Amino acid sequence: MIPAPTYTDLLRALTLGTARRELAPEIGQWLDSLDAIDPTADDAERLLAALGITERLHRLRERPSGERDDATRQSPPEHRPAPSPRLARGLQLILEGTYPDLLAEGIALVLARGTYVPPALLPALHPRAAALLDDEPELALACLAASGERGKWLARQHPDWSALLPDHDYAAAYRREEQPTGRASLLARWRRTDPTAAREALASEWPQQSPRNQEVLVQGLRVGLTPADWPWLREALLPKRKGVRRAVTELLLLAREPTTLADFRRIARAVVSERGDFNRVLPKGELKELLASYGTTKAPDTLPQRLLRTLPPESWAELTTPPLPAFWLILKPLELRDAARAVISYQEARTVLEFARFLILEQPAGFPGDTGTEVMRLLPAAEFDTLYDELLTKTPNALQLRSLPRLLSLSRTTPWSERLSRAIVSQLIDGLRAQQLDYDLQRELARQWKQAIPLVHVDIFPWLRQQLHATTERYDAFGRLATELLQTTAFRRELHRA
């Protein structure tokens, strides 16, 4: 039997194109042996056919092993009560596309009510849950929990959905995956269920990987770092390309490995004064060699930027005399961005709250909104609400059109408090009363209206209906957005009452 070409080789051939490189004869022979295509087809058509067949074979081979329910058997009985008809209808509207942005809210209500997603909706729920595994794993697992016994049974029958299950065969999936980025994603998922097995899988192939692949793959170990990872990470730090050493060093610091922490604090003391001022010249002599062992610094980054991005944020309170908010205030814009990256990476609750408070009260100029968004999304709802209550009390006009507090509030994924909801809706309406709204301003304002739709507190609906009455009568995009805001809030209110 003629062996099948590898998916990687076919993808490379497709990238180059048959006009630049002839189709390999063995690919044509393999297709002919399968009788899979018209013999008169040109090379381009034959290549696409080979890629399609190989991709499907790639997905089918080496399915996760282990005990599985037979697809013909009935699923286990549900132990929780069935959802009310109103809740079931609401979930249907969410999962079938009428209100797709309300998935997290709908799932939270299912779990709070102690019920489950109706079986007929599971084929719509599971693909969305599986797609969230890398970026929003908590929501993906909440979807599985809300799917009930039948949802878990159904996930076990489908190769793409079985990754939601805690006993998913990550070892087999890791062997099947050929792309480094895909393998890094699998390692990160695997670390959530069995961090030791994931690390050992990477360690077993580490010496054979190219430096570039090592830089990518090691990112899969960022999840669940513990002292158990210290020895292997220190070993992986041995002479390799500088980029690999920098990537491994970041993990050692995230894992708070004592030697690496002590070395970086020593370097930091040499470049920062007690007042918080940085000497931006690279250290000489022994400290230069020490820094080189950790991969030195890659342009355009400066050494202060690297230190701010990788050291635990609380280290700066030990190295300098100003409190952290005062220290952050004297940083340059790029340095402040890197300090924020450390806050996001370490996720120490007290520091996250302190930095979020710094952002909305100080509103540092030029701070990147996407980085601020990541910080604000780490805050629990109660802390976020308290923070914005303080802001609105101290600075009533803090939510103006392009202000950082307004942009960050719109980036939340959980609903606002009643007070913040009223404040932002009032600002959105006031924005339409401006004498001149140029095209860019209209686009920005429309985007903010759209972002606000799933975030408004449902209990303000009567007030909202009064406030938006005139806006809904507009014949432009803002009239449609105001109507959508009312409709969505009404739907959410009924969903909460279900």
Protein backbone atom coordinates (compact mmCIF):
# COMPACT_ATOMS: atom_id res chain seq x y z
CA MET A 1 0.00 0.00 0.00
CA ILE A 2 1.33 3.45 -0.91
CA PRO A 3 1.96 5.49 2.27
CA ALA A 4 -0.08 8.65 2.76
CA PRO A 5 1.75 12.00 2.56
CA THR A 6 2.04 13.95 5.80
CA TYR A 7 -0.30 16.83 6.47
CA THR A 8 2.66 19.15 7.08
CA ASP A 9 4.22 18.34 3.67
CA LEU A 10 0.92 18.94 1.90
CA LEU A 11 0.38 22.23 3.70
CA ARG A 12 3.87 23.36 2.71
CA ALA A 13 3.21 22.37 -0.91
CA LEU A 14 -0.07 24.28 -0.85
CA THR A 15 1.70 27.36 0.50
CA LEU A 16 4.27 27.28 -2.31
CA GLY A 17 1.65 26.45 -4.96
CA THR A 18 1.84 24.00 -7.82
CA ALA A 19 2.86 26.82 -10.18
CA ARG A 20 6.14 27.17 -8.30
CA ARG A 21 6.76 23.53 -7.46
CA GLU A 22 5.46 20.42 -9.21
CA LEU A 23 3.25 18.07 -7.29
CA ALA A 24 5.32 15.18 -5.93
CA PRO A 25 4.63 12.01 -8.00
CA GLU A 26 3.97 9.94 -4.86
CA ILE A 27 1.01 12.17 -3.97
CA GLY A 28 -0.60 11.49 -7.34
CA GLN A 29 0.11 7.77 -6.99
CA TRP A 30 -1.46 7.75 -3.51
CA LEU A 31 -4.62 9.45 -4.81
CA ASP A 32 -4.81 7.02 -7.72
CA SER A 33 -4.49 4.05 -5.35
CA LEU A 34 -7.50 5.37 -3.41
CA ASP A 35 -9.43 6.10 -6.61
CA ALA A 36 -10.21 9.40 -4.88
CA ILE A 37 -10.15 11.84 -7.80
CA ASP A 38 -10.66 12.12 -11.54
CA PRO A 39 -7.37 11.05 -13.21
CA THR A 40 -7.63 14.04 -15.58
CA ALA A 41 -7.62 16.59 -12.72
CA ASP A 42 -4.79 19.12 -12.75
CA ASP A 43 -2.09 19.30 -10.07
CA ALA A 44 -3.79 22.07 -8.09
CA GLU A 45 -7.02 20.08 -7.81
CA ARG A 46 -5.13 16.92 -6.89
CA LEU A 47 -3.20 18.77 -4.17
CA LEU A 48 -6.38 20.16 -2.62
CA ALA A 49 -8.00 16.72 -2.70
CA ALA A 50 -4.95 15.15 -1.03
CA LEU A 51 -4.94 17.84 1.66
CA GLY A 52 -8.64 17.36 2.37
CA ILE A 53 -8.38 13.57 2.66
CA THR A 54 -5.23 13.73 4.81
CA GLU A 55 -6.76 16.34 7.11
CA ARG A 56 -9.73 14.06 7.77
CA LEU A 57 -7.51 11.03 8.32
CA HIS A 58 -5.38 13.14 10.67
CA ARG A 59 -8.45 13.95 12.77
CA LEU A 60 -9.68 10.37 12.85
CA ARG A 61 -6.50 8.51 13.74
CA GLU A 62 -5.50 7.73 17.29
CA ARG A 63 -8.80 8.65 18.89
CA PRO A 64 -8.64 9.07 22.68
CA SER A 65 -8.50 5.68 24.30
CA GLY A 66 -10.07 4.61 27.54
CA GLU A 67 -13.53 3.59 28.59
CA ARG A 68 -16.26 5.29 26.56
CA ASP A 69 -20.01 5.06 26.48
CA ASP A 70 -21.33 3.37 23.37
CA ALA A 71 -22.98 6.01 21.18
CA THR A 72 -26.01 3.77 20.78
CA ARG A 73 -26.63 3.56 24.52
CA GLN A 74 -28.85 6.00 26.34
CA SER A 75 -27.20 8.72 28.37
CA PRO A 76 -27.31 8.51 32.19
CA PRO A 77 -30.40 10.03 33.84
CA GLU A 78 -30.29 13.64 35.01
CA HIS A 79 -30.04 14.23 38.75
CA ARG A 80 -31.13 17.85 38.60
CA PRO A 81 -34.60 19.22 37.83
CA ALA A 82 -35.41 20.24 34.27
CA PRO A 83 -35.22 23.96 33.42
CA SER A 84 -38.40 25.99 33.40
CA PRO A 85 -39.95 26.58 29.96
CA ARG A 86 -39.03 30.28 30.14
CA LEU A 87 -35.38 29.54 30.92
CA ALA A 88 -35.22 26.85 28.24
CA ARG A 89 -36.61 29.28 25.66
CA GLY A 90 -34.10 31.92 26.76
CA LEU A 91 -31.22 29.49 26.36
CA GLN A 92 -32.49 28.59 22.91
CA LEU A 93 -32.42 32.25 21.84
CA ILE A 94 -28.87 32.58 23.21
CA LEU A 95 -27.48 29.43 21.62
CA GLU A 96 -29.26 29.78 18.28
CA GLY A 97 -27.86 33.24 17.66
CA THR A 98 -30.45 35.82 18.68
CA TYR A 99 -28.51 36.84 21.80
CA PRO A 100 -25.10 35.15 21.36
CA ASP A 101 -23.24 37.58 23.66
CA LEU A 102 -25.25 36.40 26.67
CA LEU A 103 -23.79 32.88 26.81
CA ALA A 104 -21.86 33.41 30.06
CA GLU A 105 -24.87 35.01 31.76
CA GLY A 106 -27.20 32.22 30.62
CA ILE A 107 -24.83 29.49 31.79
CA ALA A 108 -24.38 31.22 35.16
CA LEU A 109 -28.17 31.27 35.60
CA VAL A 110 -28.43 27.56 34.75
CA LEU A 111 -25.85 26.70 37.41
CA ALA A 112 -27.39 29.08 39.96
CA ARG A 113 -30.82 27.49 39.41
CA GLY A 114 -29.38 23.99 39.81
CA THR A 115 -30.76 22.85 36.46
CA TYR A 116 -29.25 21.95 33.06
CA VAL A 117 -29.25 22.99 29.41
CA PRO A 118 -32.01 21.14 27.48
CA PRO A 119 -30.64 18.18 25.47
CA ALA A 120 -31.85 19.61 22.15
CA LEU A 121 -29.50 22.58 22.61
CA LEU A 122 -26.34 20.60 23.38
CA PRO A 123 -25.19 20.35 19.72
CA ALA A 124 -25.18 24.16 19.71
CA LEU A 125 -23.58 24.50 23.15
CA HIS A 126 -20.66 22.06 22.89
CA PRO A 127 -18.93 23.59 19.83
CA ARG A 128 -18.98 27.00 21.51
CA ALA A 129 -17.66 25.53 24.75
CA ALA A 130 -14.85 23.66 22.97
CA ALA A 131 -13.87 26.87 21.13
CA LEU A 132 -13.46 28.63 24.50
CA LEU A 133 -11.03 26.10 26.00
CA ASP A 134 -7.90 28.13 25.28
CA ASP A 135 -9.06 31.70 25.90
CA GLU A 136 -11.82 31.25 28.49
CA PRO A 137 -11.34 27.82 30.08
CA GLU A 138 -13.49 28.65 33.12
CA LEU A 139 -16.47 29.45 30.92
CA ALA A 140 -15.86 26.33 28.80
CA LEU A 141 -15.94 24.12 31.90
CA ALA A 142 -19.00 25.96 33.22
CA CYS A 143 -20.75 25.12 29.94
CA LEU A 144 -19.90 21.45 30.45
CA ALA A 145 -21.16 21.55 34.04
CA ALA A 146 -24.39 23.19 32.86
CA SER A 147 -24.91 20.56 30.15
CA GLY A 148 -25.90 17.93 32.69
CA GLU A 149 -25.32 14.19 32.50
CA ARG A 150 -26.37 13.99 28.87
CA GLY A 151 -23.96 16.78 27.99
CA LYS A 152 -21.01 14.90 29.48
CA TRP A 153 -22.13 11.69 27.78
CA LEU A 154 -22.49 13.46 24.44
CA ALA A 155 -19.08 15.14 24.76
CA ARG A 156 -17.52 11.72 25.21
CA GLN A 157 -18.88 10.59 21.81
CA HIS A 158 -17.38 13.46 19.80
CA PRO A 159 -13.59 13.81 19.25
CA ASP A 160 -13.70 17.62 19.21
CA TRP A 161 -15.92 17.92 22.29
CA SER A 162 -14.20 15.26 24.42
CA ALA A 163 -11.49 17.83 25.22
CA LEU A 164 -14.01 19.38 27.62
CA LEU A 165 -13.91 16.29 29.83
CA PRO A 166 -11.47 16.02 32.76
CA ASP A 167 -10.35 12.54 31.63
CA HIS A 168 -9.60 13.60 28.04
CA ASP A 169 -6.60 11.68 26.64
CA TYR A 170 -4.18 14.58 26.28
CA ALA A 171 -1.22 12.27 25.70
CA ALA A 172 -2.77 10.93 22.49
CA ALA A 173 -3.91 14.40 21.41
CA TYR A 174 -0.41 15.75 21.99
CA ARG A 175 1.11 13.01 19.85
CA ARG A 176 -1.35 13.73 17.04
CA GLU A 177 -0.75 17.46 16.96
CA GLU A 178 2.10 18.54 14.68
CA GLN A 179 2.15 22.35 14.95
CA PRO A 180 4.10 23.90 17.87
CA THR A 181 1.38 26.46 18.65
CA GLY A 182 -1.24 23.73 18.75
CA ARG A 183 0.94 21.61 21.02
CA ALA A 184 1.52 24.57 23.35
CA SER A 185 -2.26 25.04 23.62
CA LEU A 186 -2.70 21.35 24.40
CA LEU A 187 0.01 21.53 27.07
CA ALA A 188 -1.79 24.46 28.72
CA ARG A 189 -5.08 22.51 28.79
CA TRP A 190 -3.30 19.38 30.02
CA ARG A 191 -1.67 21.35 32.83
CA ARG A 192 -5.12 22.13 34.23
CA THR A 193 -5.80 18.42 34.81
CA ASP A 194 -2.35 16.82 35.19
CA PRO A 195 0.53 19.33 35.35
CA THR A 196 3.20 16.68 35.96
CA ALA A 197 2.26 14.56 32.94
CA ALA A 198 2.20 17.65 30.70
CA ARG A 199 5.65 18.76 31.85
CA GLU A 200 7.08 15.27 31.40
CA ALA A 201 5.65 15.05 27.87
CA LEU A 202 7.47 18.25 26.95
CA ALA A 203 10.65 17.19 28.75
CA SER A 204 10.79 13.90 26.83
CA GLU A 205 11.07 15.71 23.49
CA TRP A 206 12.74 18.95 24.58
CA PRO A 207 16.30 18.13 23.36
CA GLN A 208 15.04 17.23 19.86
CA GLN A 209 13.11 20.49 19.39
CA SER A 210 14.54 23.48 17.55
CA PRO A 211 15.13 26.62 19.65
CA ARG A 212 12.23 28.36 17.93
CA ASN A 213 9.89 25.48 18.76
CA GLN A 214 11.19 25.43 22.33
CA GLU A 215 10.25 29.10 22.75
CA VAL A 216 6.70 28.33 21.62
CA LEU A 217 6.22 25.02 23.43
CA VAL A 218 7.44 26.16 26.83
CA GLN A 219 4.61 28.70 26.97
CA GLY A 220 2.28 25.76 27.51
CA LEU A 221 3.73 25.36 31.02
CA ARG A 222 2.56 28.79 32.23
CA VAL A 223 -0.58 27.20 33.67
CA GLY A 224 -0.37 25.86 37.22
CA LEU A 225 3.31 26.54 37.91
CA THR A 226 4.46 25.09 41.25
CA PRO A 227 7.77 24.25 42.99
CA ALA A 228 7.55 20.82 41.32
CA ASP A 229 8.45 22.56 38.05
CA TRP A 230 11.58 24.26 39.38
CA PRO A 231 14.18 21.53 38.70
CA TRP A 232 13.20 20.95 35.08
CA LEU A 233 12.94 24.67 34.32
CA ARG A 234 16.39 25.29 35.79
CA GLU A 235 17.73 22.47 33.61
CA ALA A 236 16.01 23.92 30.53
CA LEU A 237 17.80 27.21 31.21
CA LEU A 238 21.18 25.69 30.32
CA PRO A 239 22.92 27.02 27.17
CA LYS A 240 20.33 27.50 24.47
CA ARG A 241 19.36 30.38 22.23
CA LYS A 242 18.82 33.62 24.16
CA GLY A 243 15.12 33.65 23.34
CA VAL A 244 14.68 30.23 24.96
CA ARG A 245 16.52 31.38 28.08
CA ARG A 246 14.33 34.48 28.32
CA ALA A 247 11.14 32.41 27.95
CA VAL A 248 12.24 29.88 30.57
CA THR A 249 13.37 32.66 32.93
CA GLU A 250 9.92 34.20 32.83
CA LEU A 251 8.40 30.88 33.92
CA LEU A 252 10.96 30.50 36.72
CA LEU A 253 10.01 33.93 38.04
CA LEU A 254 6.29 33.19 37.71
CA ALA A 255 6.90 30.00 39.68
CA ARG A 256 8.84 32.11 42.23
CA GLU A 257 11.91 29.89 42.01
CA PRO A 258 14.21 31.21 44.79
CA THR A 259 17.52 31.37 42.88
CA THR A 260 16.05 33.17 39.90
CA LEU A 261 14.15 35.60 42.12
CA ALA A 262 17.28 36.39 44.13
CA ASP A 263 19.34 36.92 40.96
CA PHE A 264 16.78 39.26 39.40
CA ARG A 265 16.33 41.26 42.59
CA ARG A 266 20.10 41.67 42.68
CA ILE A 267 20.09 42.96 39.09
CA ALA A 268 17.14 45.25 39.88
CA ARG A 269 18.93 46.79 42.86
CA ALA A 270 21.77 47.74 40.53
CA VAL A 271 19.51 49.68 38.13
CA VAL A 272 16.81 51.26 40.35
CA SER A 273 17.30 53.87 43.06
CA GLU A 274 15.40 53.96 46.33
CA ARG A 275 13.31 56.81 44.88
CA GLY A 276 12.28 54.57 41.96
CA ASP A 277 14.48 56.14 39.27
CA PHE A 278 16.03 53.74 36.72
CA ASN A 279 19.56 53.65 35.41
CA ARG A 280 18.93 52.46 31.86
CA VAL A 281 22.52 51.42 31.13
CA LEU A 282 23.12 47.66 31.10
CA PRO A 283 25.19 46.45 34.08
CA LYS A 284 28.85 45.52 33.63
CA GLY A 285 31.09 42.72 34.86
CA GLU A 286 29.58 39.99 37.01
CA LEU A 287 26.02 41.32 36.77
CA LYS A 288 26.31 41.46 32.99
CA GLU A 289 27.31 37.78 32.93
CA LEU A 290 24.47 36.94 35.32
CA LEU A 291 21.97 38.70 33.09
CA ALA A 292 23.40 36.91 30.03
CA SER A 293 22.77 33.54 31.70
CA TYR A 294 19.10 34.49 31.72
CA GLY A 295 19.07 35.52 28.06
CA THR A 296 20.01 39.22 28.52
CA THR A 297 17.64 41.82 27.00
CA LYS A 298 16.34 41.93 23.45
CA ALA A 299 15.93 45.27 21.68
CA PRO A 300 13.81 47.34 21.62
CA ASP A 301 13.16 46.34 25.25
CA THR A 302 15.22 48.05 27.90
CA LEU A 303 16.44 46.30 31.03
CA PRO A 304 13.95 48.21 33.25
CA GLN A 305 11.12 47.07 30.96
CA ARG A 306 12.19 43.44 31.24
CA LEU A 307 12.51 43.68 35.01
CA LEU A 308 9.11 45.36 35.36
CA ARG A 309 7.47 42.73 33.15
CA THR A 310 8.96 39.67 34.84
CA LEU A 311 9.53 40.44 38.54
CA PRO A 312 6.60 40.05 40.94
CA PRO A 313 5.01 43.52 41.34
CA GLU A 314 5.44 43.47 45.10
CA SER A 315 9.22 43.29 44.60
CA TRP A 316 9.26 46.99 43.73
CA ALA A 317 7.76 47.85 47.11
CA GLU A 318 10.79 46.11 48.66
CA LEU A 319 13.35 47.72 46.33
CA THR A 320 12.07 51.31 46.44
CA THR A 321 10.64 53.60 49.12
CA PRO A 322 7.55 55.01 47.29
CA PRO A 323 4.32 52.99 47.61
CA LEU A 324 3.43 51.13 44.44
CA PRO A 325 0.93 53.69 43.04
CA ALA A 326 3.54 56.46 43.42
CA PHE A 327 6.17 54.21 41.82
CA TRP A 328 3.87 53.44 38.87
CA LEU A 329 3.19 57.15 38.45
CA ILE A 330 6.84 57.97 37.68
CA LEU A 331 7.25 55.22 35.07
CA LYS A 332 7.46 55.97 31.36
CA PRO A 333 4.47 54.78 29.25
CA LEU A 334 6.17 51.61 27.95
CA GLU A 335 7.50 50.81 31.42
CA LEU A 336 4.03 51.22 32.93
CA ARG A 337 2.64 48.88 30.27
CA ASP A 338 5.22 46.25 31.28
CA ALA A 339 4.45 46.75 34.97
CA ALA A 340 0.81 46.04 34.08
CA ARG A 341 1.85 42.86 32.25
CA ALA A 342 3.41 41.63 35.51
CA VAL A 343 0.20 42.43 37.41
CA ILE A 344 -1.72 40.34 34.86
CA SER A 345 0.78 37.46 34.90
CA TYR A 346 1.03 37.09 38.70
CA GLN A 347 -2.67 37.81 39.39
CA GLU A 348 -2.06 38.62 43.03
CA ALA A 349 -5.51 39.84 44.11
CA ARG A 350 -4.37 42.77 46.25
CA THR A 351 -2.02 44.10 43.56
CA VAL A 352 -4.63 43.68 40.81
CA LEU A 353 -7.07 45.82 42.81
CA GLU A 354 -4.37 48.39 43.59
CA PHE A 355 -3.36 48.69 39.93
CA ALA A 356 -6.98 48.88 38.71
CA ARG A 357 -7.62 51.67 41.21
CA PHE A 358 -4.47 53.44 40.00
CA LEU A 359 -5.67 53.22 36.39
CA ILE A 360 -9.11 54.71 36.86
CA LEU A 361 -8.11 57.38 39.38
CA GLU A 362 -4.84 58.52 37.79
CA GLN A 363 -5.80 57.83 34.15
CA PRO A 364 -2.16 57.63 32.94
CA ALA A 365 -1.73 59.17 29.50
CA GLY A 366 -1.10 56.79 26.62
CA PHE A 367 -1.83 53.64 28.61
CA PRO A 368 -2.91 50.85 26.19
CA GLY A 369 -6.59 50.05 26.54
CA ASP A 370 -6.19 46.33 25.75
CA THR A 371 -3.75 45.90 28.65
CA GLY A 372 -6.10 47.80 30.96
CA THR A 373 -8.93 45.55 29.83
CA GLU A 374 -7.00 42.46 30.96
CA VAL A 375 -6.40 44.03 34.36
CA MET A 376 -10.05 45.02 34.88
CA ARG A 377 -11.33 41.59 33.89
CA LEU A 378 -9.33 40.05 36.74
CA LEU A 379 -11.41 41.98 39.29
CA PRO A 380 -14.34 40.18 40.94
CA ALA A 381 -17.66 41.94 40.31
CA ALA A 382 -17.97 43.21 43.90
CA GLU A 383 -14.51 44.85 43.84
CA PHE A 384 -15.16 46.37 40.41
CA ASP A 385 -18.45 47.87 41.59
CA THR A 386 -16.85 49.30 44.73
CA LEU A 387 -14.04 50.81 42.68
CA TYR A 388 -16.41 52.57 40.31
CA ASP A 389 -18.61 53.74 43.18
CA GLU A 390 -15.52 55.45 44.59
CA LEU A 391 -14.70 56.96 41.19
CA LEU A 392 -18.22 58.32 40.62
CA THR A 393 -18.28 59.79 44.12
CA LYS A 394 -14.91 61.51 43.74
CA THR A 395 -15.14 62.47 40.05
CA PRO A 396 -18.72 62.69 38.73
CA ASN A 397 -17.56 63.49 35.17
CA ALA A 398 -15.02 60.64 35.02
CA LEU A 399 -16.94 58.76 32.31
CA GLN A 400 -16.51 61.20 29.45
CA LEU A 401 -16.30 59.85 25.91
CA ARG A 402 -12.60 58.98 25.58
CA SER A 403 -11.71 58.67 29.26
CA LEU A 404 -9.84 55.57 30.39
CA PRO A 405 -12.40 54.70 33.13
CA ARG A 406 -15.18 54.66 30.53
CA LEU A 407 -13.21 52.49 28.09
CA LEU A 408 -12.26 50.05 30.85
CA SER A 409 -15.80 49.79 32.20
CA LEU A 410 -17.05 48.87 28.71
CA SER A 411 -14.52 46.02 28.54
CA ARG A 412 -16.13 44.05 31.36
CA THR A 413 -17.75 40.68 30.75
CA THR A 414 -20.07 40.79 33.80
CA PRO A 415 -22.99 43.23 34.25
CA TRP A 416 -22.47 46.61 35.91
CA SER A 417 -24.05 47.86 39.12
CA GLU A 418 -27.23 49.94 38.90
CA ARG A 419 -25.31 53.15 39.63
CA LEU A 420 -22.68 52.57 36.96
CA SER A 421 -25.34 51.46 34.45
CA ARG A 422 -27.26 54.71 34.89
CA ALA A 423 -24.09 56.79 34.70
CA ILE A 424 -22.84 55.22 31.47
CA VAL A 425 -26.23 55.18 29.72
CA SER A 426 -26.63 58.87 30.59
CA GLN A 427 -23.20 59.57 29.09
CA LEU A 428 -24.05 57.60 25.95
CA ILE A 429 -27.23 59.62 25.46
CA ASP A 430 -25.40 62.90 26.16
CA GLY A 431 -22.86 61.98 23.49
CA LEU A 432 -25.61 62.14 20.85
CA ARG A 433 -26.42 65.74 21.80
CA ALA A 434 -23.05 67.05 20.65
CA GLN A 435 -23.26 69.73 17.99
CA GLN A 436 -20.81 67.99 15.65
CA LEU A 437 -20.28 64.24 15.43
CA ASP A 438 -17.68 63.49 12.79
CA TYR A 439 -17.45 60.04 11.20
CA ASP A 440 -14.73 58.71 13.55
CA LEU A 441 -16.57 59.96 16.61
CA GLN A 442 -19.82 58.38 15.43
CA ARG A 443 -18.08 55.03 14.92
CA GLU A 444 -16.49 55.15 18.36
CA LEU A 445 -19.73 56.12 20.04
CA ALA A 446 -21.66 53.42 18.19
CA ARG A 447 -19.10 50.82 19.27
CA GLN A 448 -19.54 51.91 22.88
CA TRP A 449 -23.33 51.64 22.62
CA LYS A 450 -22.86 48.10 21.29
CA GLN A 451 -20.47 47.16 24.11
CA ALA A 452 -22.90 48.45 26.73
CA ILE A 453 -25.85 46.33 25.57
CA PRO A 454 -25.10 43.12 27.56
CA LEU A 455 -23.71 44.98 30.60
CA VAL A 456 -26.60 47.16 31.81
CA HIS A 457 -28.14 46.07 35.13
CA VAL A 458 -31.52 44.49 34.45
CA ASP A 459 -33.23 46.24 37.37
CA ILE A 460 -32.94 49.66 35.70
CA PHE A 461 -35.17 48.61 32.80
CA PRO A 462 -38.13 50.93 33.71
CA TRP A 463 -35.73 53.90 33.98
CA LEU A 464 -33.99 52.79 30.80
CA ARG A 465 -37.25 52.74 28.85
CA GLN A 466 -37.95 56.33 29.88
CA GLN A 467 -34.45 57.55 29.06
CA LEU A 468 -34.24 55.88 25.64
CA HIS A 469 -37.73 56.76 24.41
CA ALA A 470 -36.58 59.64 22.22
CA THR A 471 -33.41 57.89 21.05
CA THR A 472 -35.31 54.85 19.75
CA GLU A 473 -37.24 57.15 17.41
CA ARG A 474 -34.07 58.19 15.57
CA TYR A 475 -33.75 56.90 12.00
CA ASP A 476 -30.02 56.22 12.21
CA ALA A 477 -27.74 53.55 13.71
CA PHE A 478 -28.18 55.00 17.20
CA GLY A 479 -31.94 54.52 17.02
CA ARG A 480 -31.36 50.84 16.21
CA LEU A 481 -28.77 50.51 18.99
CA ALA A 482 -31.08 52.10 21.56
CA THR A 483 -33.85 49.70 20.52
CA GLU A 484 -31.46 46.76 20.75
CA LEU A 485 -30.37 47.89 24.22
CA LEU A 486 -33.98 47.98 25.39
CA GLN A 487 -34.85 44.63 23.81
CA THR A 488 -31.79 42.87 25.21
CA THR A 489 -32.27 44.27 28.70
CA ALA A 490 -35.93 43.22 28.64
CA PHE A 491 -34.91 39.74 27.54
CA ARG A 492 -32.25 39.51 30.26
CA ARG A 493 -34.75 40.65 32.91
CA GLU A 494 -37.16 37.91 31.89
CA LEU A 495 -34.31 35.40 31.87
CA HIS A 496 -33.43 36.31 35.46
CA ARG A 497 -37.04 35.85 36.44
CA ALA A 498 -37.22 32.38 34.88
